[in-house]
Structure formats: C-alpha cells, structure tokens
C-alpha atoms as a PDB file:
ATOM      1  CA  MET A   1       0.091   0.013   0.083  1.00  0.00           C
ATOM      2  CA  SER A   2       1.333   3.158  -0.852  1.00  0.00           C
ATOM      3  CA  ILE A   3       1.041   6.473   1.315  1.00  0.00           C
ATOM      4  CA  THR A   4      -1.924   8.951  -0.187  1.00  0.00           C
ATOM      5  CA  ASN A   5      -1.569  11.521   2.312  1.00  0.00           C
ATOM      6  CA  GLN A   6       0.729  14.048   0.245  1.00  0.00           C
ATOM      7  CA  GLN A   7       2.113  15.769   3.309  1.00  0.00           C
ATOM      8  CA  VAL A   8       3.303  12.536   4.904  1.00  0.00           C
ATOM      9  CA  ALA A   9       4.291  11.091   1.456  1.00  0.00           C
ATOM     10  CA  GLY A  10       6.989  14.152   1.148  1.00  0.00           C
ATOM     11  CA  ARG A  11       8.041  14.067   4.527  1.00  0.00           C
ATOM     12  CA  ALA A  12      11.869  13.062   5.406  1.00  0.00           C
ATOM     13  CA  PHE A  13      11.325  11.017   8.475  1.00  0.00           C
ATOM     14  CA  LEU A  14      14.183  10.740  11.050  1.00  0.00           C
ATOM     15  CA  ARG A  15      16.238  13.499   8.850  1.00  0.00           C
ATOM     16  CA  GLN A  16      18.367  14.456  11.953  1.00  0.00           C
ATOM     17  CA  LEU A  17      19.155  10.665  12.509  1.00  0.00           C
ATOM     18  CA  TYR A  18      20.152  10.103   8.866  1.00  0.00           C
ATOM     19  CA  ALA A  19      22.385  13.241   9.309  1.00  0.00           C
ATOM     20  CA  ASP A  20      24.240  12.202  12.139  1.00  0.00           C
ATOM     21  CA  ALA A  21      26.884   9.202  11.638  1.00  0.00           C
ATOM     22  CA  TYR A  22      26.672   7.948  15.278  1.00  0.00           C
ATOM     23  CA  PHE A  23      22.994   6.527  13.946  1.00  0.00           C
ATOM     24  CA  PRO A  24      23.760   3.649  11.491  1.00  0.00           C
ATOM     25  CA  ASP A  25      21.515   4.183   8.367  1.00  0.00           C
ATOM     26  CA  GLN A  26      20.506   0.725   8.029  1.00  0.00           C
ATOM     27  CA  VAL A  27      18.968   0.686  11.462  1.00  0.00           C
ATOM     28  CA  VAL A  28      17.538   4.049  11.113  1.00  0.00           C
ATOM     29  CA  ASP A  29      16.195   2.702   7.719  1.00  0.00           C
ATOM     30  CA  ARG A  30      14.366   0.155   9.861  1.00  0.00           C
ATOM     31  CA  GLY A  31      12.678   3.098  12.177  1.00  0.00           C
ATOM     32  CA  ARG A  32      11.745   4.794   9.122  1.00  0.00           C
ATOM     33  CA  ALA A  33       9.943   1.715   8.104  1.00  0.00           C
ATOM     34  CA  ILE A  34       7.918   1.672  11.091  1.00  0.00           C
ATOM     35  CA  LEU A  35       6.837   4.976  10.837  1.00  0.00           C
ATOM     36  CA  LEU A  36       5.917   4.671   7.123  1.00  0.00           C
ATOM     37  CA  ARG A  37       3.810   1.172   8.055  1.00  0.00           C
ATOM     38  CA  LEU A  38       2.373   3.377  10.766  1.00  0.00           C
ATOM     39  CA  CYS A  39       1.047   5.722   8.278  1.00  0.00           C
ATOM     40  CA  GLU A  40      -0.413   2.891   5.906  1.00  0.00           C
ATOM     41  CA  ARG A  41      -2.094   1.626   8.925  1.00  0.00           C
ATOM     42  CA  ILE A  42      -3.570   4.936   9.853  1.00  0.00           C
ATOM     43  CA  GLU A  43      -4.594   5.201   6.317  1.00  0.00           C
ATOM     44  CA  ALA A  44      -6.061   1.699   6.093  1.00  0.00           C
ATOM     45  CA  GLU A  45      -7.683   1.840   9.630  1.00  0.00           C
ATOM     46  CA  GLN A  46      -8.821   5.417   9.767  1.00  0.00           C
ATOM     47  CA  PRO A  47      -9.152   5.979  13.412  1.00  0.00           C
ATOM     48  CA  ALA A  48     -12.271   7.462  14.377  1.00  0.00           C
ATOM     49  CA  ASP A  49     -10.795   9.465  17.268  1.00  0.00           C
ATOM     50  CA  VAL A  50      -7.416  10.187  19.395  1.00  0.00           C
ATOM     51  CA  ALA A  51      -7.865   7.093  21.375  1.00  0.00           C
ATOM     52  CA  ALA A  52      -7.594   4.870  18.290  1.00  0.00           C
ATOM     53  CA  LEU A  53      -5.161   6.751  17.147  1.00  0.00           C
ATOM     54  CA  TYR A  54      -3.054   6.049  20.250  1.00  0.00           C
ATOM     55  CA  VAL A  55      -3.656   2.382  19.856  1.00  0.00           C
ATOM     56  CA  LEU A  56      -1.792   2.528  16.585  1.00  0.00           C
ATOM     57  CA  THR A  57       0.887   4.869  17.753  1.00  0.00           C
ATOM     58  CA  GLN A  58       1.610   2.788  20.810  1.00  0.00           C
ATOM     59  CA  ALA A  59       2.036  -0.697  18.554  1.00  0.00           C
ATOM     60  CA  ALA A  60       4.545   1.535  16.304  1.00  0.00           C
ATOM     61  CA  THR A  61       6.286   2.677  19.661  1.00  0.00           C
ATOM     62  CA  GLU A  62       6.753  -0.970  20.722  1.00  0.00           C
ATOM     63  CA  GLU A  63       8.349  -1.737  17.530  1.00  0.00           C
ATOM     64  CA  PHE A  64      10.920   1.207  18.330  1.00  0.00           C
ATOM     65  CA  ASN A  65      11.554  -0.609  21.605  1.00  0.00           C
ATOM     66  CA  LEU A  66      12.640  -3.532  19.854  1.00  0.00           C
ATOM     67  CA  LEU A  67      14.702  -1.684  17.560  1.00  0.00           C
ATOM     68  CA  GLU A  68      16.831  -0.370  20.527  1.00  0.00           C
ATOM     69  CA  ALA A  69      18.885  -3.431  20.502  1.00  0.00           C
ATOM     70  CA  GLU A  70      19.665  -2.956  16.990  1.00  0.00           C
ATOM     71  CA  PHE A  71      20.973   0.333  17.760  1.00  0.00           C
ATOM     72  CA  GLU A  72      23.181  -0.732  20.508  1.00  0.00           C
ATOM     73  CA  ALA A  73      24.537  -3.749  18.494  1.00  0.00           C
ATOM     74  CA  ALA A  74      25.573  -1.169  16.241  1.00  0.00           C
ATOM     75  CA  GLY A  75      27.094   0.797  18.893  1.00  0.00           C
ATOM     76  CA  SER A  76      24.433   3.624  18.854  1.00  0.00           C
ATOM     77  CA  GLU A  77      21.512   3.801  20.941  1.00  0.00           C
ATOM     78  CA  ILE A  78      18.060   5.679  21.027  1.00  0.00           C
ATOM     79  CA  GLU A  79      19.272   8.641  23.104  1.00  0.00           C
ATOM     80  CA  THR A  80      17.946  12.457  23.588  1.00  0.00           C
ATOM     81  CA  VAL A  81      18.551  13.354  19.862  1.00  0.00           C
ATOM     82  CA  ALA A  82      16.834  10.264  18.626  1.00  0.00           C
ATOM     83  CA  ARG A  83      14.093  10.577  21.092  1.00  0.00           C
ATOM     84  CA  GLU A  84      13.070  13.760  20.116  1.00  0.00           C
ATOM     85  CA  GLU A  85      13.408  13.247  16.748  1.00  0.00           C
ATOM     86  CA  ILE A  86      11.061  10.211  17.025  1.00  0.00           C
ATOM     87  CA  ALA A  87       8.819  11.861  19.075  1.00  0.00           C
ATOM     88  CA  GLU A  88       8.563  14.523  16.661  1.00  0.00           C
ATOM     89  CA  ASP A  89       7.835  12.357  13.772  1.00  0.00           C
ATOM     90  CA  PHE A  90       4.970  10.914  15.672  1.00  0.00           C
ATOM     91  CA  TRP A  91       3.727  14.125  16.502  1.00  0.00           C
ATOM     92  CA  PHE A  92       3.808  15.205  12.564  1.00  0.00           C
ATOM     93  CA  ILE A  93       1.951  12.010  11.483  1.00  0.00           C
ATOM     94  CA  ALA A  94      -0.886  12.439  14.260  1.00  0.00           C
ATOM     95  CA  SER A  95      -1.222  16.152  13.096  1.00  0.00           C
ATOM     96  CA  ALA A  96      -1.238  15.163   9.096  1.00  0.00           C
ATOM     97  CA  TYR A  97      -3.866  12.739   9.868  1.00  0.00           C
ATOM     98  CA  GLY A  98      -6.389  14.965  11.480  1.00  0.00           C
ATOM     99  CA  PHE A  99      -5.323  14.762  15.108  1.00  0.00           C
ATOM    100  CA  PRO A 100      -3.058  17.997  15.792  1.00  0.00           C
ATOM    101  CA  ASP A 101      -4.117  17.947  19.499  1.00  0.00           C
ATOM    102  CA  ALA A 102      -2.806  14.503  20.312  1.00  0.00           C
ATOM    103  CA  ASP A 103      -0.546  14.325  23.235  1.00  0.00           C
ATOM    104  CA  VAL A 104       2.844  13.602  22.120  1.00  0.00           C
ATOM    105  CA  GLU A 105       3.709  11.576  25.370  1.00  0.00           C
ATOM    106  CA  LYS A 106       0.556   9.481  25.117  1.00  0.00           C
ATOM    107  CA  LEU A 107       1.264   8.839  21.069  1.00  0.00           C
ATOM    108  CA  ILE A 108       4.658   6.931  22.603  1.00  0.00           C
ATOM    109  CA  ALA A 109       3.432   6.092  25.986  1.00  0.00           C
ATOM    110  CA  THR A 110       4.521   2.614  25.743  1.00  0.00           C
ATOM    111  CA  ARG A 111       8.195   3.627  24.673  1.00  0.00           C
ATOM    112  CA  GLU A 112      11.134   2.147  26.729  1.00  0.00           C
ATOM    113  CA  TRP A 113      13.724   4.470  25.417  1.00  0.00           C
END
C-alpha cells in the first residue's frame, strides 16, 4: 500500500538521525519503515478518534522498543536526539492525519527509550 496523504508522502522521516553518523543508516532505515507502516495503518484503519490513534501509535512505539537492541548492537542508542526526533515524527503523523491536538507523550506512551 502506498501513502496517499501528500503531506506524509513528502516527509523525510528521521532526518536528523540520517544526518548524524552516530546513528547507522541501516538501523535508521528500519525506524523509517516503522513510521511508514504506521502511516499505512492509519490510512487503512482510519481511526475515528484520538484514542484509536493512540492504539496504533503505541504499537509502532513498541516496534521502536525492539529496534533499540539493533541500535545498541551497532554501537549506538536511542538517546536524547533520537528520542526527540522520533517523538516529533509521531506528532507530525498525528497532525497530518487530522489529530493536531494529540498528546505526544500518549502517542509514544509505551516507549522504553
């Protein structure tokens, strides 16, 4: 499934992580894929309210939790810069799909990073 939301389709997700050699591109690519799958899921399921959106974003957050081990194996980690960048992209996604008032902490409430 391809993304139909043009605002999302044009977004360079995790841009700061790609720009910093501390974060290995092959692991960042997996994080970007998580965000794109989240967008596809939102478009497919069309959550009726912010509570339904939180279910989807928290599931994607759990995928990032698993990705932390890959960052560590590559000599990196999801630290402050990465946390902020990931959270910003989650908020961007929520806003782009009509939930600009979503609480970013609730979007990523299941995070372990």
